[in-house]
C-alpha atoms as a PDB file:
ATOM      1  CA  MET A   1       0.000   0.000   0.000  1.00  0.00           C
ATOM      2  CA  ARG A   2       1.349   3.387  -1.025  1.00  0.00           C
ATOM      3  CA  ARG A   3       0.705   6.505   1.048  1.00  0.00           C
ATOM      4  CA  GLY A   4       1.276  10.148   0.228  1.00  0.00           C
ATOM      5  CA  PHE A   5       0.110  13.728   0.433  1.00  0.00           C
ATOM      6  CA  ILE A   6      -1.468  15.844  -2.285  1.00  0.00           C
ATOM      7  CA  THR A   7      -2.560  19.379  -3.088  1.00  0.00           C
ATOM      8  CA  ILE A   8      -4.230  21.121  -6.041  1.00  0.00           C
ATOM      9  CA  ALA A   9      -3.101  24.105  -8.137  1.00  0.00           C
ATOM     10  CA  THR A  10      -4.979  25.255 -11.221  1.00  0.00           C
ATOM     11  CA  GLY A  11      -5.390  28.595 -12.940  1.00  0.00           C
ATOM     12  CA  LYS A  12      -3.205  31.510 -11.830  1.00  0.00           C
ATOM     13  CA  GLU A  13       0.539  31.169 -11.304  1.00  0.00           C
ATOM     14  CA  HIS A  14       0.008  32.363  -7.721  1.00  0.00           C
ATOM     15  CA  TYR A  15      -1.745  29.102  -6.854  1.00  0.00           C
ATOM     16  CA  TYR A  16       1.269  27.123  -8.049  1.00  0.00           C
ATOM     17  CA  LYS A  17       3.572  29.332  -5.972  1.00  0.00           C
ATOM     18  CA  ILE A  18       1.663  28.843  -2.745  1.00  0.00           C
ATOM     19  CA  ALA A  19       1.399  25.084  -3.411  1.00  0.00           C
ATOM     20  CA  ALA A  20       5.204  25.024  -3.624  1.00  0.00           C
ATOM     21  CA  ASN A  21       5.365  26.936  -0.327  1.00  0.00           C
ATOM     22  CA  LEU A  22       3.183  24.266   1.305  1.00  0.00           C
ATOM     23  CA  LEU A  23       5.449  21.532  -0.034  1.00  0.00           C
ATOM     24  CA  MET A  24       8.530  23.375   1.232  1.00  0.00           C
ATOM     25  CA  SER A  25       7.050  23.704   4.727  1.00  0.00           C
ATOM     26  CA  TYR A  26       6.056  20.021   4.834  1.00  0.00           C
ATOM     27  CA  ARG A  27       9.511  18.813   3.857  1.00  0.00           C
ATOM     28  CA  PHE A  28      11.238  21.122   6.315  1.00  0.00           C
ATOM     29  CA  PHE A  29       9.328  19.878   9.363  1.00  0.00           C
ATOM     30  CA  ALA A  30       8.751  16.229   8.397  1.00  0.00           C
ATOM     31  CA  LYS A  31      10.894  13.702  10.265  1.00  0.00           C
ATOM     32  CA  GLU A  32      10.085  11.140   7.567  1.00  0.00           C
ATOM     33  CA  ARG A  33       9.184  12.252   4.060  1.00  0.00           C
ATOM     34  CA  TYR A  34       6.219  10.712   2.310  1.00  0.00           C
ATOM     35  CA  PRO A  35       5.717  11.397  -1.415  1.00  0.00           C
ATOM     36  CA  PHE A  36       3.820  14.610  -2.119  1.00  0.00           C
ATOM     37  CA  ALA A  37       1.760  14.972  -5.305  1.00  0.00           C
ATOM     38  CA  ILE A  38       0.028  17.854  -7.032  1.00  0.00           C
ATOM     39  CA  ILE A  39      -3.017  17.923  -9.315  1.00  0.00           C
ATOM     40  CA  ALA A  40      -2.424  20.621 -11.929  1.00  0.00           C
ATOM     41  CA  GLU A  41      -3.298  21.747 -15.432  1.00  0.00           C
ATOM     42  CA  GLU A  42       0.280  21.994 -16.644  1.00  0.00           C
ATOM     43  CA  GLU A  43       3.855  21.161 -15.729  1.00  0.00           C
ATOM     44  CA  ASN A  44       6.003  24.133 -14.755  1.00  0.00           C
ATOM     45  CA  GLU A  45       8.870  25.156 -12.472  1.00  0.00           C
ATOM     46  CA  TYR A  46       6.663  24.662  -9.408  1.00  0.00           C
ATOM     47  CA  THR A  47       5.245  21.235 -10.256  1.00  0.00           C
ATOM     48  CA  LYS A  48       8.790  19.944 -10.839  1.00  0.00           C
ATOM     49  CA  LEU A  49       9.361  20.215  -7.104  1.00  0.00           C
ATOM     50  CA  PHE A  50       6.714  17.578  -6.341  1.00  0.00           C
ATOM     51  CA  ASP A  51       7.242  13.819  -6.275  1.00  0.00           C
ATOM     52  CA  ASP A  52       4.233  13.112  -8.498  1.00  0.00           C
ATOM     53  CA  VAL A  53       2.318  15.349 -10.893  1.00  0.00           C
ATOM     54  CA  VAL A  54      -1.233  14.517 -11.996  1.00  0.00           C
ATOM     55  CA  ILE A  55      -2.262  16.577 -15.024  1.00  0.00           C
ATOM     56  CA  THR A  56      -5.973  17.154 -15.532  1.00  0.00           C
ATOM     57  CA  ASP A  57      -7.977  18.807 -18.295  1.00  0.00           C
ATOM     58  CA  GLU A  58     -11.169  18.725 -16.196  1.00  0.00           C
ATOM     59  CA  SER A  59     -10.430  21.774 -14.069  1.00  0.00           C
ATOM     60  CA  THR A  60     -13.245  24.305 -13.762  1.00  0.00           C
ATOM     61  CA  HIS A  61     -11.279  26.766 -11.575  1.00  0.00           C
ATOM     62  CA  SER A  62     -14.029  26.417  -8.981  1.00  0.00           C
ATOM     63  CA  PHE A  63     -14.945  24.489  -5.852  1.00  0.00           C
ATOM     64  CA  MET A  64     -15.676  21.484  -8.106  1.00  0.00           C
ATOM     65  CA  ASP A  65     -11.955  20.916  -8.672  1.00  0.00           C
ATOM     66  CA  LYS A  66     -11.584  19.567  -5.146  1.00  0.00           C
ATOM     67  CA  PHE A  67     -13.788  16.601  -6.015  1.00  0.00           C
ATOM     68  CA  LEU A  68     -11.176  15.493  -8.571  1.00  0.00           C
ATOM     69  CA  LEU A  69      -9.276  14.189  -5.544  1.00  0.00           C
ATOM     70  CA  LEU A  70     -11.789  11.379  -5.265  1.00  0.00           C
ATOM     71  CA  LYS A  71     -10.695   9.875  -8.579  1.00  0.00           C
ATOM     72  CA  LEU A  72      -7.204  11.240  -9.353  1.00  0.00           C
ATOM     73  CA  CYS A  73      -5.158  10.629  -6.202  1.00  0.00           C
ATOM     74  CA  PRO A  74      -2.112   8.540  -7.221  1.00  0.00           C
ATOM     75  CA  TYR A  75      -1.768   6.774  -3.850  1.00  0.00           C
ATOM     76  CA  ASP A  76      -3.792   4.080  -2.085  1.00  0.00           C
ATOM     77  CA  GLU A  77      -4.176   6.360   0.929  1.00  0.00           C
ATOM     78  CA  THR A  78      -3.823  10.109   0.562  1.00  0.00           C
ATOM     79  CA  ILE A  79      -4.017  13.148   2.792  1.00  0.00           C
ATOM     80  CA  PHE A  80      -4.957  16.358   1.004  1.00  0.00           C
ATOM     81  CA  PHE A  81      -4.034  19.877   2.102  1.00  0.00           C
ATOM     82  CA  ASP A  82      -5.273  23.070   0.494  1.00  0.00           C
ATOM     83  CA  ALA A  83      -2.459  24.884  -1.283  1.00  0.00           C
ATOM     84  CA  ASP A  84      -3.116  28.071   0.714  1.00  0.00           C
ATOM     85  CA  SER A  85      -1.779  26.535   3.927  1.00  0.00           C
ATOM     86  CA  LEU A  86       1.575  26.048   5.660  1.00  0.00           C
ATOM     87  CA  ALA A  87       3.027  23.452   8.010  1.00  0.00           C
ATOM     88  CA  TYR A  88       4.370  24.583  11.378  1.00  0.00           C
ATOM     89  CA  GLY A  89       5.177  21.072  12.549  1.00  0.00           C
ATOM     90  CA  ASP A  90       5.318  17.488  11.301  1.00  0.00           C
ATOM     91  CA  LEU A  91       2.211  16.852   9.197  1.00  0.00           C
ATOM     92  CA  ASN A  92       2.861  13.104   9.373  1.00  0.00           C
ATOM     93  CA  GLU A  93       0.877  13.256  12.633  1.00  0.00           C
ATOM     94  CA  TYR A  94      -2.203  13.214  10.414  1.00  0.00           C
ATOM     95  CA  TRP A  95      -1.610   9.551   9.548  1.00  0.00           C
ATOM     96  CA  ASP A  96      -2.300   8.625  13.172  1.00  0.00           C
ATOM     97  CA  PHE A  97      -5.177  11.093  13.325  1.00  0.00           C
ATOM     98  CA  PHE A  98      -6.896   9.401  10.353  1.00  0.00           C
ATOM     99  CA  LYS A  99      -5.887   5.811  11.199  1.00  0.00           C
ATOM    100  CA  ASP A 100      -9.492   4.713  11.861  1.00  0.00           C
ATOM    101  CA  ALA A 101     -11.098   6.945   9.233  1.00  0.00           C
ATOM    102  CA  THR A 102     -13.695   5.937   6.670  1.00  0.00           C
ATOM    103  CA  ASP A 103     -12.619   5.921   3.006  1.00  0.00           C
ATOM    104  CA  PHE A 104     -13.207   9.664   2.918  1.00  0.00           C
ATOM    105  CA  SER A 105     -12.924  11.809   5.995  1.00  0.00           C
ATOM    106  CA  ALA A 106     -12.092  15.301   7.201  1.00  0.00           C
ATOM    107  CA  ILE A 107     -12.054  17.281  10.428  1.00  0.00           C
ATOM    108  CA  GLY A 108     -15.594  18.126  11.503  1.00  0.00           C
ATOM    109  CA  VAL A 109     -18.710  16.791  13.201  1.00  0.00           C
ATOM    110  CA  ASN A 110     -21.462  14.245  12.605  1.00  0.00           C
ATOM    111  CA  VAL A 111     -24.896  15.126  13.986  1.00  0.00           C
ATOM    112  CA  ASP A 112     -28.388  13.648  14.075  1.00  0.00           C
ATOM    113  CA  ARG A 113     -30.374  14.044  10.844  1.00  0.00           C
ATOM    114  CA  HIS A 114     -32.987  16.144  12.646  1.00  0.00           C
ATOM    115  CA  SER A 115     -30.514  18.490  14.341  1.00  0.00           C
ATOM    116  CA  LYS A 116     -31.066  22.153  13.484  1.00  0.00           C
ATOM    117  CA  TYR A 117     -27.530  23.057  14.537  1.00  0.00           C
ATOM    118  CA  GLY A 118     -24.018  22.133  13.550  1.00  0.00           C
ATOM    119  CA  THR A 119     -24.478  21.634   9.798  1.00  0.00           C
ATOM    120  CA  TRP A 120     -25.369  23.724   6.754  1.00  0.00           C
ATOM    121  CA  TYR A 121     -28.761  22.317   5.858  1.00  0.00           C
ATOM    122  CA  ASN A 122     -31.971  20.705   7.024  1.00  0.00           C
ATOM    123  CA  VAL A 123     -32.773  17.352   5.403  1.00  0.00           C
ATOM    124  CA  GLU A 124     -36.102  18.664   4.120  1.00  0.00           C
ATOM    125  CA  ASP A 125     -34.288  21.430   2.184  1.00  0.00           C
ATOM    126  CA  ILE A 126     -32.195  19.145  -0.038  1.00  0.00           C
ATOM    127  CA  GLY A 127     -34.960  17.192  -1.721  1.00  0.00           C
ATOM    128  CA  LYS A 128     -34.473  13.519  -2.496  1.00  0.00           C
ATOM    129  CA  TYR A 129     -30.890  13.617  -1.180  1.00  0.00           C
ATOM    130  CA  GLY A 130     -32.081  14.071   2.390  1.00  0.00           C
ATOM    131  CA  GLU A 131     -34.702  11.323   2.438  1.00  0.00           C
ATOM    132  CA  ASN A 132     -32.503   8.417   3.536  1.00  0.00           C
ATOM    133  CA  LEU A 133     -29.743  10.193   5.449  1.00  0.00           C
ATOM    134  CA  GLU A 134     -29.174   8.716   8.901  1.00  0.00           C
ATOM    135  CA  TYR A 135     -26.990  11.637  10.011  1.00  0.00           C
ATOM    136  CA  LYS A 136     -25.550  14.915   8.734  1.00  0.00           C
ATOM    137  CA  THR A 137     -21.919  15.967   8.437  1.00  0.00           C
ATOM    138  CA  ARG A 138     -20.047  19.245   8.543  1.00  0.00           C
ATOM    139  CA  VAL A 139     -16.336  19.331   7.696  1.00  0.00           C
ATOM    140  CA  HIS A 140     -13.472  21.700   7.040  1.00  0.00           C
ATOM    141  CA  ALA A 141     -12.366  20.667   3.543  1.00  0.00           C
ATOM    142  CA  GLY A 142      -8.887  22.184   3.816  1.00  0.00           C
ATOM    143  CA  VAL A 143      -7.533  18.817   4.961  1.00  0.00           C
ATOM    144  CA  CYS A 144      -9.073  15.498   3.876  1.00  0.00           C
ATOM    145  CA  PHE A 145      -8.270  11.794   4.018  1.00  0.00           C
ATOM    146  CA  ILE A 146      -8.905   9.700   0.891  1.00  0.00           C
ATOM    147  CA  ARG A 147      -8.672   5.902   0.543  1.00  0.00           C
ATOM    148  CA  LYS A 148      -9.280   4.274  -2.842  1.00  0.00           C
ATOM    149  CA  SER A 149     -12.395   2.096  -2.883  1.00  0.00           C
ATOM    150  CA  ASP A 150     -15.649   1.468  -4.720  1.00  0.00           C
ATOM    151  CA  SER A 151     -17.417   3.586  -2.096  1.00  0.00           C
ATOM    152  CA  LEU A 152     -15.115   6.494  -2.905  1.00  0.00           C
ATOM    153  CA  ASN A 153     -15.947   6.167  -6.618  1.00  0.00           C
ATOM    154  CA  LYS A 154     -19.655   6.266  -5.792  1.00  0.00           C
ATOM    155  CA  MET A 155     -19.153   9.330  -3.620  1.00  0.00           C
ATOM    156  CA  TYR A 156     -17.414  11.090  -6.524  1.00  0.00           C
ATOM    157  CA  GLN A 157     -20.464  10.499  -8.725  1.00  0.00           C
ATOM    158  CA  ASN A 158     -22.723  11.828  -5.953  1.00  0.00           C
ATOM    159  CA  CYS A 159     -20.583  14.975  -5.639  1.00  0.00           C
ATOM    160  CA  LYS A 160     -20.872  15.593  -9.387  1.00  0.00           C
ATOM    161  CA  GLU A 161     -24.636  15.178  -9.298  1.00  0.00           C
ATOM    162  CA  LEU A 162     -25.012  17.441  -6.259  1.00  0.00           C
ATOM    163  CA  SER A 163     -22.831  20.071  -7.933  1.00  0.00           C
ATOM    164  CA  ASP A 164     -24.954  19.999 -11.069  1.00  0.00           C
ATOM    165  CA  ASN A 165     -28.106  20.465  -8.966  1.00  0.00           C
ATOM    166  CA  TYR A 166     -26.648  22.906  -6.439  1.00  0.00           C
ATOM    167  CA  SER A 167     -29.041  25.734  -7.289  1.00  0.00           C
ATOM    168  CA  GLN A 168     -31.979  23.499  -6.334  1.00  0.00           C
ATOM    169  CA  LEU A 169     -30.626  22.858  -2.836  1.00  0.00           C
ATOM    170  CA  ARG A 170     -31.007  25.221   0.097  1.00  0.00           C
ATOM    171  CA  PHE A 171     -28.207  25.692   2.609  1.00  0.00           C
ATOM    172  CA  HIS A 172     -28.923  27.960   5.555  1.00  0.00           C
ATOM    173  CA  SER A 173     -25.352  29.111   6.245  1.00  0.00           C
ATOM    174  CA  PHE A 174     -21.948  29.115   4.564  1.00  0.00           C
ATOM    175  CA  SER A 175     -23.596  28.583   1.204  1.00  0.00           C
ATOM    176  CA  ALA A 176     -20.524  30.185  -0.413  1.00  0.00           C
ATOM    177  CA  SER A 177     -18.439  27.205   0.812  1.00  0.00           C
ATOM    178  CA  LYS A 178     -19.983  25.018  -1.858  1.00  0.00           C
ATOM    179  CA  ASP A 179     -17.438  22.203  -1.664  1.00  0.00           C
ATOM    180  CA  GLU A 180     -18.060  21.769   2.060  1.00  0.00           C
ATOM    181  CA  CYS A 181     -21.835  21.988   1.648  1.00  0.00           C
ATOM    182  CA  ILE A 182     -21.774  19.234  -0.965  1.00  0.00           C
ATOM    183  CA  LEU A 183     -19.452  17.060   1.123  1.00  0.00           C
ATOM    184  CA  GLY A 184     -21.874  17.568   4.013  1.00  0.00           C
ATOM    185  CA  VAL A 185     -24.497  15.715   1.938  1.00  0.00           C
ATOM    186  CA  ALA A 186     -22.344  13.268  -0.050  1.00  0.00           C
ATOM    187  CA  MET A 187     -20.494  11.941   2.999  1.00  0.00           C
ATOM    188  CA  PRO A 188     -23.542  10.614   4.887  1.00  0.00           C
ATOM    189  CA  MET A 189     -24.986   9.349   1.589  1.00  0.00           C
ATOM    190  CA  ASN A 190     -21.952   7.013   1.474  1.00  0.00           C
ATOM    191  CA  ASN A 191     -21.497   6.331   5.201  1.00  0.00           C
ATOM    192  CA  MET A 192     -18.394   8.514   5.391  1.00  0.00           C
ATOM    193  CA  LYS A 193     -17.738  10.132   8.758  1.00  0.00           C
ATOM    194  CA  ALA A 194     -16.001  13.280   9.963  1.00  0.00           C
ATOM    195  CA  ILE A 195     -13.423  13.108  12.764  1.00  0.00           C
ATOM    196  CA  HIS A 196     -13.726  15.565  15.622  1.00  0.00           C
ATOM    197  CA  GLU A 197     -11.238  18.404  15.691  1.00  0.00           C
ATOM    198  CA  VAL A 198      -8.009  18.140  17.688  1.00  0.00           C
ATOM    199  CA  PRO A 199      -7.158  21.817  18.308  1.00  0.00           C
ATOM    200  CA  HIS A 200      -3.399  21.714  17.626  1.00  0.00           C
ATOM    201  CA  MET A 201      -3.852  20.004  14.254  1.00  0.00           C
ATOM    202  CA  MET A 202      -5.875  22.626  12.425  1.00  0.00           C
ATOM    203  CA  ALA A 203      -6.177  26.405  12.447  1.00  0.00           C
ATOM    204  CA  ALA A 204      -8.337  28.201   9.890  1.00  0.00           C
ATOM    205  CA  TYR A 205      -7.345  31.866   9.590  1.00  0.00           C
ATOM    206  CA  PRO A 206     -10.860  33.330   9.118  1.00  0.00           C
ATOM    207  CA  CYS A 207     -12.052  31.684  12.346  1.00  0.00           C
ATOM    208  CA  LEU A 208      -9.201  32.882  14.578  1.00  0.00           C
ATOM    209  CA  THR A 209      -9.571  35.630  17.155  1.00  0.00           C
ATOM    210  CA  TYR A 210      -5.869  35.505  18.087  1.00  0.00           C
ATOM    211  CA  LEU A 211      -2.906  34.402  15.986  1.00  0.00           C
ATOM    212  CA  LYS A 212       0.840  34.287  16.485  1.00  0.00           C
ATOM    213  CA  ALA A 213       2.321  32.697  13.379  1.00  0.00           C
ATOM    214  CA  ASP A 214       6.122  32.780  13.527  1.00  0.00           C
ATOM    215  CA  ILE A 215       7.664  30.011  11.446  1.00  0.00           C
ATOM    216  CA  LEU A 216      11.182  31.282  12.182  1.00  0.00           C
ATOM    217  CA  HIS A 217      10.820  30.172  15.805  1.00  0.00           C
ATOM    218  CA  ASP A 218       8.397  27.233  15.329  1.00  0.00           C
ATOM    219  CA  ARG A 219       5.503  29.165  16.831  1.00  0.00           C
ATOM    220  CA  LEU A 220       1.878  28.764  15.872  1.00  0.00           C
ATOM    221  CA  LYS A 221      -0.371  29.976  18.673  1.00  0.00           C
ATOM    222  CA  TYR A 222      -4.054  30.750  18.169  1.00  0.00           C
ATOM    223  CA  LYS A 223      -7.484  31.020  19.692  1.00  0.00           C
ATOM    224  CA  THR A 224     -11.070  30.867  18.454  1.00  0.00           C
ATOM    225  CA  ASP A 225     -14.431  31.827  19.941  1.00  0.00           C
ATOM    226  CA  TRP A 226     -15.205  28.182  20.701  1.00  0.00           C
ATOM    227  CA  ALA A 227     -11.823  26.785  21.826  1.00  0.00           C
ATOM    228  CA  ASP A 228      -9.151  27.697  24.364  1.00  0.00           C
ATOM    229  CA  MET A 229      -5.711  28.944  23.358  1.00  0.00           C
ATOM    230  CA  THR A 230      -3.665  26.418  21.365  1.00  0.00           C
ATOM    231  CA  GLU A 231      -0.021  26.892  22.247  1.00  0.00           C
ATOM    232  CA  LYS A 232       1.691  24.910  19.475  1.00  0.00           C
ATOM    233  CA  GLY A 233      -0.244  24.168  16.315  1.00  0.00           C
ATOM    234  CA  ILE A 234       1.195  22.271  13.363  1.00  0.00           C
ATOM    235  CA  TRP A 235      -0.909  23.496  10.407  1.00  0.00           C
ATOM    236  CA  LEU A 236      -2.464  26.809   9.419  1.00  0.00           C
ATOM    237  CA  HIS A 237      -4.995  27.198   6.629  1.00  0.00           C
ATOM    238  CA  TRP A 238      -4.408  30.812   5.652  1.00  0.00           C
ATOM    239  CA  GLY A 239      -7.039  31.120   2.925  1.00  0.00           C
ATOM    240  CA  THR A 240      -6.220  32.418  -0.546  1.00  0.00           C
ATOM    241  CA  ILE A 241      -6.799  36.110   0.211  1.00  0.00           C
ATOM    242  CA  GLN A 242      -4.406  36.023   3.169  1.00  0.00           C
ATOM    243  CA  THR A 243      -1.579  34.561   1.052  1.00  0.00           C
ATOM    244  CA  TYR A 244      -1.245  38.008  -0.512  1.00  0.00           C
ATOM    245  CA  GLU A 245      -0.837  39.637   2.907  1.00  0.00           C
ATOM    246  CA  PRO A 246       2.458  40.578   4.626  1.00  0.00           C
ATOM    247  CA  LEU A 247       2.180  38.115   7.536  1.00  0.00           C
ATOM    248  CA  TYR A 248       1.954  35.094   5.216  1.00  0.00           C
ATOM    249  CA  ARG A 249       4.753  36.381   2.958  1.00  0.00           C
ATOM    250  CA  PHE A 250       6.959  37.073   5.964  1.00  0.00           C
ATOM    251  CA  ASN A 251       6.489  33.502   7.216  1.00  0.00           C
ATOM    252  CA  VAL A 252       7.477  32.153   3.797  1.00  0.00           C
ATOM    253  CA  GLU A 253      10.566  34.416   3.756  1.00  0.00           C
ATOM    254  CA  CYS A 254      11.565  33.123   7.179  1.00  0.00           C
ATOM    255  CA  LEU A 255      11.091  29.511   6.078  1.00  0.00           C
ATOM    256  CA  ARG A 256      13.344  30.052   3.053  1.00  0.00           C
ATOM    257  CA  TYR A 257      15.917  31.663   5.320  1.00  0.00           C
ATOM    258  CA  ARG A 258      15.856  28.706   7.710  1.00  0.00           C
ATOM    259  CA  ILE A 259      16.220  26.203   4.868  1.00  0.00           C
ATOM    260  CA  LYS A 260      19.104  28.089   3.289  1.00  0.00           C
ATOM    261  CA  TYR A 261      21.086  28.366   6.511  1.00  0.00           C
ATOM    262  CA  GLU A 262      19.884  25.233   8.276  1.00  0.00           C
ATOM    263  CA  ASN A 263      23.328  23.624   8.298  1.00  0.00           C
ATOM    264  CA  HIS A 264      25.414  26.783   7.950  1.00  0.00           C
ATOM    265  CA  SER A 265      26.247  29.713  10.159  1.00  0.00           C
ATOM    266  CA  ARG A 266      23.832  32.565   9.550  1.00  0.00           C
ATOM    267  CA  PRO A 267      25.262  35.854   8.256  1.00  0.00           C
ATOM    268  CA  PHE A 268      25.271  38.392  11.092  1.00  0.00           C
ATOM    269  CA  LEU A 269      23.233  41.095   9.330  1.00  0.00           C
ATOM    270  CA  LYS A 270      20.640  38.651   8.005  1.00  0.00           C
ATOM    271  CA  LYS A 271      20.297  37.092  11.452  1.00  0.00           C
ATOM    272  CA  ILE A 272      19.555  40.531  12.910  1.00  0.00           C
ATOM    273  CA  TYR A 273      17.055  41.211  10.111  1.00  0.00           C
ATOM    274  CA  TYR A 274      15.101  38.003  10.550  1.00  0.00           C
ATOM    275  CA  ASP A 275      15.252  37.907  14.333  1.00  0.00           C
ATOM    276  CA  TYR A 276      14.235  41.545  14.618  1.00  0.00           C
ATOM    277  CA  LYS A 277      10.924  41.820  16.453  1.00  0.00           C
ATOM    278  CA  LEU A 278       9.675  45.171  15.180  1.00  0.00           C
ATOM    279  CA  ARG A 279       8.624  44.044  11.714  1.00  0.00           C
ATOM    280  CA  TYR A 280       6.885  40.952  13.037  1.00  0.00           C
ATOM    281  CA  GLY A 281       5.205  43.018  15.735  1.00  0.00           C
ATOM    282  CA  ILE A 282       3.763  45.408  13.154  1.00  0.00           C
ATOM    283  CA  LEU A 283       2.366  42.451  11.185  1.00  0.00           C
ATOM    284  CA  GLN A 284       0.771  41.051  14.340  1.00  0.00           C
ATOM    285  CA  ILE A 285      -0.844  44.398  15.108  1.00  0.00           C
ATOM    286  CA  SER A 286      -2.249  44.607  11.578  1.00  0.00           C
ATOM    287  CA  PHE A 287      -3.747  41.120  12.017  1.00  0.00           C
ATOM    288  CA  SER A 288      -5.359  42.143  15.330  1.00  0.00           C
ATOM    289  CA  ILE A 289      -6.877  45.290  13.819  1.00  0.00           C
ATOM    290  CA  LYS A 290      -8.254  43.373  10.847  1.00  0.00           C
ATOM    291  CA  LYS A 291      -9.843  40.676  13.021  1.00  0.00           C
ATOM    292  CA  PHE A 292     -11.354  43.326  15.313  1.00  0.00           C
ATOM    293  CA  ILE A 293     -12.954  45.077  12.343  1.00  0.00           C
ATOM    294  CA  THR A 294     -14.225  41.730  11.014  1.00  0.00           C
ATOM    295  CA  ARG A 295     -15.865  40.835  14.322  1.00  0.00           C
ATOM    296  CA  ILE A 296     -17.534  44.236  14.620  1.00  0.00           C
ATOM    297  CA  SER A 297     -18.809  43.973  11.030  1.00  0.00           C
ATOM    298  CA  ARG A 298     -20.326  40.572  11.747  1.00  0.00           C
ATOM    299  CA  LYS A 299     -22.119  41.903  14.806  1.00  0.00           C
ATOM    300  CA  ILE A 300     -23.508  44.842  12.827  1.00  0.00           C
ATOM    301  CA  LYS A 301     -24.699  42.556  10.039  1.00  0.00           C
ATOM    302  CA  ARG A 302     -25.827  39.991  12.610  1.00  0.00           C
ATOM    303  CA  VAL A 303     -24.269  37.123  10.702  1.00  0.00           C
ATOM    304  CA  PRO A 304     -25.347  33.894  12.462  1.00  0.00           C
ATOM    305  CA  LYS A 305     -22.573  31.782  13.949  1.00  0.00           C
ATOM    306  CA  ILE A 306     -22.301  28.039  13.619  1.00  0.00           C
ATOM    307  CA  ASP A 307     -22.211  26.202  16.940  1.00  0.00           C
ATOM    308  CA  HIS A 308     -18.842  24.449  16.678  1.00  0.00           C
ATOM    309  CA  LYS A 309     -19.459  22.588  19.931  1.00  0.00           C
ATOM    310  CA  THR A 310     -22.425  20.725  18.521  1.00  0.00           C
END
């Protein structure tokens, strides 16, 4: 049985760049390297860095591309990470995390079919697809486990059908996260289960109320509205928009610096530059201001929150 990791990059060159950054962070922190693949539309300078390249001509440059994982993964067991994320520790921990997983799984919750909380839909709002569901699922699709099987092939077909009929379905929150909404239906249709979140293994930037991301000193500290402070996380899902921001770019710069001088003495001036706290402090302040504004905006708009404890 062959195991490996995978990510996806299609469309803009930027997506290939950030996928390469993810790969670089994985290899730096991994104590044992598993093969790492990429699903892409073309081969280029970034895809050459990966162990395996899967070229597809089926990309739609949309949420639908993520479902290609269900049929194109080159390994028997695969763990997927969104390209807009970085490792801050050894991602091989995820193999133990998913050791008892169903053929498809992700971090999230499974709730009763009649529950009005914790998922993105009510069974009566998704037509025929909700009639025989025994439970409902909500997952974060930034990290997923995939095991090749007939059940996985069936789930892929279900995802395609749900995507084609998406406009006929009604999701009461996070309807913009179409891939996760569809997985929330397709998973219980195929007896696939989510695995409950372990705080240090996943941080999603939009959900954080506090963040200290300092890859130079192996620090990933964060807090959310529903969980206590996590002192040492291993993976941060930045989100595509945030990969254009200074804090993400600074972390990538620091990672490159560490790799370059890992086994060499660091030049004095560069060491001062990268260890200097002022620049990092300014980036942290900008993050805090942005999150404060976001929280106030949500309160003004009265955007409903999902109960993550459900």
